[in-house]
């Protein structure tokens, strides 16, 4: 791929949090962050967590199999079903944040007119999602990324970031559309 360094973070492919791998192109010199033991060629002090490393390997194998079996296309189809369901049920209120293509197959980042993202999530605890905004001391602020994209503050605060996984189903998507729609309708008094 022509990269000098490449980080593979375990929890992004459903391994436990706290494990990652770093590809280092031959000839790239690194400086340790912490000096001490000689692990990892002197780049890292302390004992490696063998169980987490094995879990990362197992997750990588599962991810490779899913990739070979067309998992990203299946996930993109479900993501599109979710987006279509919401735009159909909440016409004119759904705004995709970012380009329609190319984009990740598992992520839908959108804004919904008339409701702040954190209020929507509070109204539907059955859905595990994020707002894409940082929360500090109870003050909700627009994401710096969304601000850099030029989104107005009201739209940035209305963000909902929905991620799908290998085990997401069409029934999950349809239920999510129902829950989000009902919460938005309750908020609007429809």
C-alpha atoms as a PDB file:
ATOM      1  CA  UNK A   1       0.000   0.000   0.000  1.00  0.00           C
ATOM      2  CA  UNK A   2       3.022   2.270   0.082  1.00  0.00           C
ATOM      3  CA  UNK A   3       2.637   3.228   3.746  1.00  0.00           C
ATOM      4  CA  UNK A   4       5.372   3.736   6.304  1.00  0.00           C
ATOM      5  CA  UNK A   5       3.232   2.904   9.331  1.00  0.00           C
ATOM      6  CA  UNK A   6      -0.170   1.227   9.606  1.00  0.00           C
ATOM      7  CA  UNK A   7      -2.091   0.713  12.837  1.00  0.00           C
ATOM      8  CA  UNK A   8      -4.673  -2.067  13.112  1.00  0.00           C
ATOM      9  CA  UNK A   9      -6.889  -1.419  16.130  1.00  0.00           C
ATOM     10  CA  UNK A  10      -8.492  -4.539  17.540  1.00  0.00           C
ATOM     11  CA  UNK A  11     -11.827  -3.188  18.688  1.00  0.00           C
ATOM     12  CA  UNK A  12     -12.535  -1.896  15.165  1.00  0.00           C
ATOM     13  CA  UNK A  13     -12.748  -5.538  14.046  1.00  0.00           C
ATOM     14  CA  UNK A  14     -14.476  -6.822  17.178  1.00  0.00           C
ATOM     15  CA  UNK A  15     -11.404  -7.889  19.153  1.00  0.00           C
ATOM     16  CA  UNK A  16     -11.236  -6.751  22.780  1.00  0.00           C
ATOM     17  CA  UNK A  17     -10.260  -3.161  23.495  1.00  0.00           C
ATOM     18  CA  UNK A  18      -6.641  -2.655  24.419  1.00  0.00           C
ATOM     19  CA  UNK A  19      -4.932  -4.579  21.602  1.00  0.00           C
ATOM     20  CA  UNK A  20      -3.549  -3.347  18.302  1.00  0.00           C
ATOM     21  CA  UNK A  21      -0.865  -4.123  15.769  1.00  0.00           C
ATOM     22  CA  UNK A  22       1.568  -1.749  14.116  1.00  0.00           C
ATOM     23  CA  UNK A  23       3.032  -2.380  10.679  1.00  0.00           C
ATOM     24  CA  UNK A  24       6.387  -0.641  10.244  1.00  0.00           C
ATOM     25  CA  UNK A  25       7.886  -0.454   6.774  1.00  0.00           C
ATOM     26  CA  UNK A  26      11.415  -1.768   6.683  1.00  0.00           C
ATOM     27  CA  UNK A  27      13.841   1.115   7.118  1.00  0.00           C
ATOM     28  CA  UNK A  28      11.508   3.339   9.150  1.00  0.00           C
ATOM     29  CA  UNK A  29      13.155   4.208  12.476  1.00  0.00           C
ATOM     30  CA  UNK A  30      10.975   4.725  15.541  1.00  0.00           C
ATOM     31  CA  UNK A  31      11.755   6.200  18.935  1.00  0.00           C
ATOM     32  CA  UNK A  32      10.243   4.466  21.988  1.00  0.00           C
ATOM     33  CA  UNK A  33       7.628   6.405  23.948  1.00  0.00           C
ATOM     34  CA  UNK A  34       8.701   4.675  27.156  1.00  0.00           C
ATOM     35  CA  UNK A  35      12.213   3.373  27.687  1.00  0.00           C
ATOM     36  CA  UNK A  36      12.713   0.242  29.706  1.00  0.00           C
ATOM     37  CA  UNK A  37      12.456  -3.377  28.700  1.00  0.00           C
ATOM     38  CA  UNK A  38      13.612  -4.822  25.447  1.00  0.00           C
ATOM     39  CA  UNK A  39      10.240  -6.057  24.222  1.00  0.00           C
ATOM     40  CA  UNK A  40       9.298  -5.389  20.606  1.00  0.00           C
ATOM     41  CA  UNK A  41      12.890  -4.668  19.615  1.00  0.00           C
ATOM     42  CA  UNK A  42      13.333  -2.116  22.384  1.00  0.00           C
ATOM     43  CA  UNK A  43      10.294  -0.084  21.316  1.00  0.00           C
ATOM     44  CA  UNK A  44       7.996  -1.085  24.171  1.00  0.00           C
ATOM     45  CA  UNK A  45       8.507  -1.783  27.836  1.00  0.00           C
ATOM     46  CA  UNK A  46       6.481  -4.392  29.768  1.00  0.00           C
ATOM     47  CA  UNK A  47       5.194  -7.847  29.053  1.00  0.00           C
ATOM     48  CA  UNK A  48       2.983  -8.428  26.022  1.00  0.00           C
ATOM     49  CA  UNK A  49      -0.571  -9.560  26.656  1.00  0.00           C
ATOM     50  CA  UNK A  50      -0.612 -12.920  24.887  1.00  0.00           C
ATOM     51  CA  UNK A  51      -4.351 -13.450  25.358  1.00  0.00           C
ATOM     52  CA  UNK A  52      -5.184 -10.114  23.725  1.00  0.00           C
ATOM     53  CA  UNK A  53      -2.710 -10.778  20.909  1.00  0.00           C
ATOM     54  CA  UNK A  54      -4.383 -14.151  20.258  1.00  0.00           C
ATOM     55  CA  UNK A  55      -7.796 -12.456  20.311  1.00  0.00           C
ATOM     56  CA  UNK A  56      -6.567  -9.925  17.739  1.00  0.00           C
ATOM     57  CA  UNK A  57      -5.399 -12.772  15.527  1.00  0.00           C
ATOM     58  CA  UNK A  58      -8.742 -14.569  15.838  1.00  0.00           C
ATOM     59  CA  UNK A  59     -10.658 -11.353  15.074  1.00  0.00           C
ATOM     60  CA  UNK A  60      -8.444 -10.712  12.043  1.00  0.00           C
ATOM     61  CA  UNK A  61      -9.168 -14.222  10.761  1.00  0.00           C
ATOM     62  CA  UNK A  62     -12.925 -13.706  11.192  1.00  0.00           C
ATOM     63  CA  UNK A  63     -12.695 -10.314   9.469  1.00  0.00           C
ATOM     64  CA  UNK A  64     -10.796 -11.842   6.541  1.00  0.00           C
ATOM     65  CA  UNK A  65     -13.432 -14.569   6.176  1.00  0.00           C
ATOM     66  CA  UNK A  66     -16.229 -11.994   6.319  1.00  0.00           C
ATOM     67  CA  UNK A  67     -14.480  -9.907   3.685  1.00  0.00           C
ATOM     68  CA  UNK A  68     -14.110 -12.935   1.405  1.00  0.00           C
ATOM     69  CA  UNK A  69     -17.786 -13.861   1.908  1.00  0.00           C
ATOM     70  CA  UNK A  70     -19.038 -10.424   0.779  1.00  0.00           C
ATOM     71  CA  UNK A  71     -19.635  -9.023   4.257  1.00  0.00           C
ATOM     72  CA  UNK A  72     -18.951  -5.387   3.314  1.00  0.00           C
ATOM     73  CA  UNK A  73     -21.498  -5.495   0.497  1.00  0.00           C
ATOM     74  CA  UNK A  74     -24.108  -7.098   2.787  1.00  0.00           C
ATOM     75  CA  UNK A  75     -23.426  -4.448   5.426  1.00  0.00           C
ATOM     76  CA  UNK A  76     -23.621  -1.619   2.863  1.00  0.00           C
ATOM     77  CA  UNK A  77     -26.991  -2.964   1.718  1.00  0.00           C
ATOM     78  CA  UNK A  78     -28.267  -2.851   5.316  1.00  0.00           C
ATOM     79  CA  UNK A  79     -26.801   0.643   5.818  1.00  0.00           C
ATOM     80  CA  UNK A  80     -28.623   1.805   2.677  1.00  0.00           C
ATOM     81  CA  UNK A  81     -31.830   0.148   3.924  1.00  0.00           C
ATOM     82  CA  UNK A  82     -31.503   2.111   7.176  1.00  0.00           C
ATOM     83  CA  UNK A  83     -30.896   5.384   5.348  1.00  0.00           C
ATOM     84  CA  UNK A  84     -33.786   4.781   2.934  1.00  0.00           C
ATOM     85  CA  UNK A  85     -36.123   3.772   5.769  1.00  0.00           C
ATOM     86  CA  UNK A  86     -35.387   6.942   7.707  1.00  0.00           C
ATOM     87  CA  UNK A  87     -35.653   9.256   4.691  1.00  0.00           C
ATOM     88  CA  UNK A  88     -38.962   7.618   3.744  1.00  0.00           C
ATOM     89  CA  UNK A  89     -40.441   7.807   7.244  1.00  0.00           C
ATOM     90  CA  UNK A  90     -39.069  11.287   8.024  1.00  0.00           C
ATOM     91  CA  UNK A  91     -39.243  13.034   4.632  1.00  0.00           C
ATOM     92  CA  UNK A  92     -37.185  16.195   4.310  1.00  0.00           C
ATOM     93  CA  UNK A  93     -35.713  15.842   7.804  1.00  0.00           C
ATOM     94  CA  UNK A  94     -32.800  13.466   7.127  1.00  0.00           C
ATOM     95  CA  UNK A  95     -29.469  14.880   5.919  1.00  0.00           C
ATOM     96  CA  UNK A  96     -26.493  12.661   5.111  1.00  0.00           C
ATOM     97  CA  UNK A  97     -23.258  14.053   6.532  1.00  0.00           C
ATOM     98  CA  UNK A  98     -20.517  13.382   4.039  1.00  0.00           C
ATOM     99  CA  UNK A  99     -20.514  11.976   0.539  1.00  0.00           C
ATOM    100  CA  UNK A 100     -22.909   9.257  -0.567  1.00  0.00           C
ATOM    101  CA  UNK A 101     -19.958   7.511  -2.256  1.00  0.00           C
ATOM    102  CA  UNK A 102     -17.332   6.446  -1.490  1.00  0.00           C
ATOM    103  CA  UNK A 103     -17.921   5.756   2.181  1.00  0.00           C
ATOM    104  CA  UNK A 104     -17.585   3.016   4.747  1.00  0.00           C
ATOM    105  CA  UNK A 105     -20.115   0.206   4.345  1.00  0.00           C
ATOM    106  CA  UNK A 106     -20.905   0.016   8.060  1.00  0.00           C
ATOM    107  CA  UNK A 107     -21.462   3.643   9.051  1.00  0.00           C
ATOM    108  CA  UNK A 108     -24.363   6.044   8.599  1.00  0.00           C
ATOM    109  CA  UNK A 109     -23.773   9.580   9.834  1.00  0.00           C
ATOM    110  CA  UNK A 110     -26.801  11.795   9.459  1.00  0.00           C
ATOM    111  CA  UNK A 111     -28.583  14.747  10.973  1.00  0.00           C
ATOM    112  CA  UNK A 112     -32.288  14.831  11.714  1.00  0.00           C
ATOM    113  CA  UNK A 113     -34.021  18.210  11.627  1.00  0.00           C
ATOM    114  CA  UNK A 114     -35.936  19.161  14.742  1.00  0.00           C
ATOM    115  CA  UNK A 115     -34.082  17.119  17.361  1.00  0.00           C
ATOM    116  CA  UNK A 116     -30.622  17.138  18.875  1.00  0.00           C
ATOM    117  CA  UNK A 117     -28.722  13.892  18.611  1.00  0.00           C
ATOM    118  CA  UNK A 118     -28.167  13.465  22.350  1.00  0.00           C
ATOM    119  CA  UNK A 119     -31.888  14.060  23.040  1.00  0.00           C
ATOM    120  CA  UNK A 120     -32.834  11.448  20.467  1.00  0.00           C
ATOM    121  CA  UNK A 121     -30.474   8.873  21.952  1.00  0.00           C
ATOM    122  CA  UNK A 122     -31.837   9.576  25.433  1.00  0.00           C
ATOM    123  CA  UNK A 123     -35.337   8.869  24.105  1.00  0.00           C
ATOM    124  CA  UNK A 124     -34.372   5.496  22.594  1.00  0.00           C
ATOM    125  CA  UNK A 125     -32.093   3.610  24.995  1.00  0.00           C
ATOM    126  CA  UNK A 126     -32.658   0.436  22.960  1.00  0.00           C
ATOM    127  CA  UNK A 127     -30.262   1.787  20.319  1.00  0.00           C
ATOM    128  CA  UNK A 128     -26.511   1.896  20.881  1.00  0.00           C
ATOM    129  CA  UNK A 129     -25.274   4.812  18.783  1.00  0.00           C
ATOM    130  CA  UNK A 130     -23.329   8.031  19.169  1.00  0.00           C
ATOM    131  CA  UNK A 131     -23.929  11.663  18.389  1.00  0.00           C
ATOM    132  CA  UNK A 132     -20.591  12.493  16.867  1.00  0.00           C
ATOM    133  CA  UNK A 133     -20.257  15.419  19.248  1.00  0.00           C
ATOM    134  CA  UNK A 134     -18.121  15.767  22.327  1.00  0.00           C
ATOM    135  CA  UNK A 135     -19.857  16.249  25.635  1.00  0.00           C
ATOM    136  CA  UNK A 136     -18.075  18.268  28.293  1.00  0.00           C
ATOM    137  CA  UNK A 137     -19.668  19.149  31.616  1.00  0.00           C
ATOM    138  CA  UNK A 138     -23.162  18.755  30.198  1.00  0.00           C
ATOM    139  CA  UNK A 139     -22.465  21.171  27.332  1.00  0.00           C
ATOM    140  CA  UNK A 140     -22.957  19.606  23.927  1.00  0.00           C
ATOM    141  CA  UNK A 141     -20.720  21.016  21.233  1.00  0.00           C
ATOM    142  CA  UNK A 142     -20.451  20.305  17.520  1.00  0.00           C
ATOM    143  CA  UNK A 143     -17.809  17.828  16.453  1.00  0.00           C
ATOM    144  CA  UNK A 144     -14.672  19.584  15.169  1.00  0.00           C
ATOM    145  CA  UNK A 145     -14.774  17.278  12.132  1.00  0.00           C
ATOM    146  CA  UNK A 146     -18.339  18.266  11.258  1.00  0.00           C
ATOM    147  CA  UNK A 147     -17.494  21.933  11.808  1.00  0.00           C
ATOM    148  CA  UNK A 148     -14.492  21.571   9.477  1.00  0.00           C
ATOM    149  CA  UNK A 149     -16.858  20.066   6.896  1.00  0.00           C
ATOM    150  CA  UNK A 150     -18.845  23.312   7.045  1.00  0.00           C
ATOM    151  CA  UNK A 151     -21.976  21.956   8.731  1.00  0.00           C
ATOM    152  CA  UNK A 152     -23.970  24.619  10.584  1.00  0.00           C
ATOM    153  CA  UNK A 153     -24.116  24.266  14.355  1.00  0.00           C
ATOM    154  CA  UNK A 154     -27.788  23.231  14.431  1.00  0.00           C
ATOM    155  CA  UNK A 155     -27.128  20.403  11.977  1.00  0.00           C
ATOM    156  CA  UNK A 156     -23.951  19.339  13.789  1.00  0.00           C
ATOM    157  CA  UNK A 157     -25.865  19.065  17.050  1.00  0.00           C
ATOM    158  CA  UNK A 158     -28.569  16.987  15.341  1.00  0.00           C
ATOM    159  CA  UNK A 159     -26.095  14.261  14.356  1.00  0.00           C
ATOM    160  CA  UNK A 160     -26.703  10.578  14.823  1.00  0.00           C
ATOM    161  CA  UNK A 161     -23.900   8.138  13.983  1.00  0.00           C
ATOM    162  CA  UNK A 162     -25.167   4.600  13.453  1.00  0.00           C
ATOM    163  CA  UNK A 163     -22.733   1.731  12.991  1.00  0.00           C
ATOM    164  CA  UNK A 164     -23.614  -1.706  11.717  1.00  0.00           C
ATOM    165  CA  UNK A 165     -21.685  -4.885  12.330  1.00  0.00           C
ATOM    166  CA  UNK A 166     -21.191  -8.372  11.045  1.00  0.00           C
ATOM    167  CA  UNK A 167     -24.224  -9.562  13.017  1.00  0.00           C
ATOM    168  CA  UNK A 168     -26.642  -6.773  12.051  1.00  0.00           C
ATOM    169  CA  UNK A 169     -29.827  -8.047  10.428  1.00  0.00           C
ATOM    170  CA  UNK A 170     -32.644  -6.613   8.337  1.00  0.00           C
ATOM    171  CA  UNK A 171     -34.909  -6.988  11.384  1.00  0.00           C
ATOM    172  CA  UNK A 172     -32.444  -4.892  13.430  1.00  0.00           C
ATOM    173  CA  UNK A 173     -32.529  -2.201  10.754  1.00  0.00           C
ATOM    174  CA  UNK A 174     -36.320  -2.154  10.539  1.00  0.00           C
ATOM    175  CA  UNK A 175     -36.626  -1.960  14.339  1.00  0.00           C
ATOM    176  CA  UNK A 176     -34.121   0.906  14.433  1.00  0.00           C
ATOM    177  CA  UNK A 177     -36.094   2.828  11.806  1.00  0.00           C
ATOM    178  CA  UNK A 178     -39.259   2.324  13.864  1.00  0.00           C
ATOM    179  CA  UNK A 179     -37.650   3.458  17.121  1.00  0.00           C
ATOM    180  CA  UNK A 180     -36.003   6.548  15.627  1.00  0.00           C
ATOM    181  CA  UNK A 181     -39.145   7.528  13.727  1.00  0.00           C
ATOM    182  CA  UNK A 182     -41.350   7.136  16.797  1.00  0.00           C
ATOM    183  CA  UNK A 183     -38.984   9.205  18.942  1.00  0.00           C
ATOM    184  CA  UNK A 184     -38.824  11.966  16.328  1.00  0.00           C
ATOM    185  CA  UNK A 185     -42.599  11.987  15.951  1.00  0.00           C
ATOM    186  CA  UNK A 186     -43.062  12.168  19.729  1.00  0.00           C
ATOM    187  CA  UNK A 187     -40.629  15.077  19.835  1.00  0.00           C
ATOM    188  CA  UNK A 188     -42.499  16.895  17.047  1.00  0.00           C
ATOM    189  CA  UNK A 189     -45.857  16.131  18.648  1.00  0.00           C
ATOM    190  CA  UNK A 190     -47.098  14.265  15.563  1.00  0.00           C
END
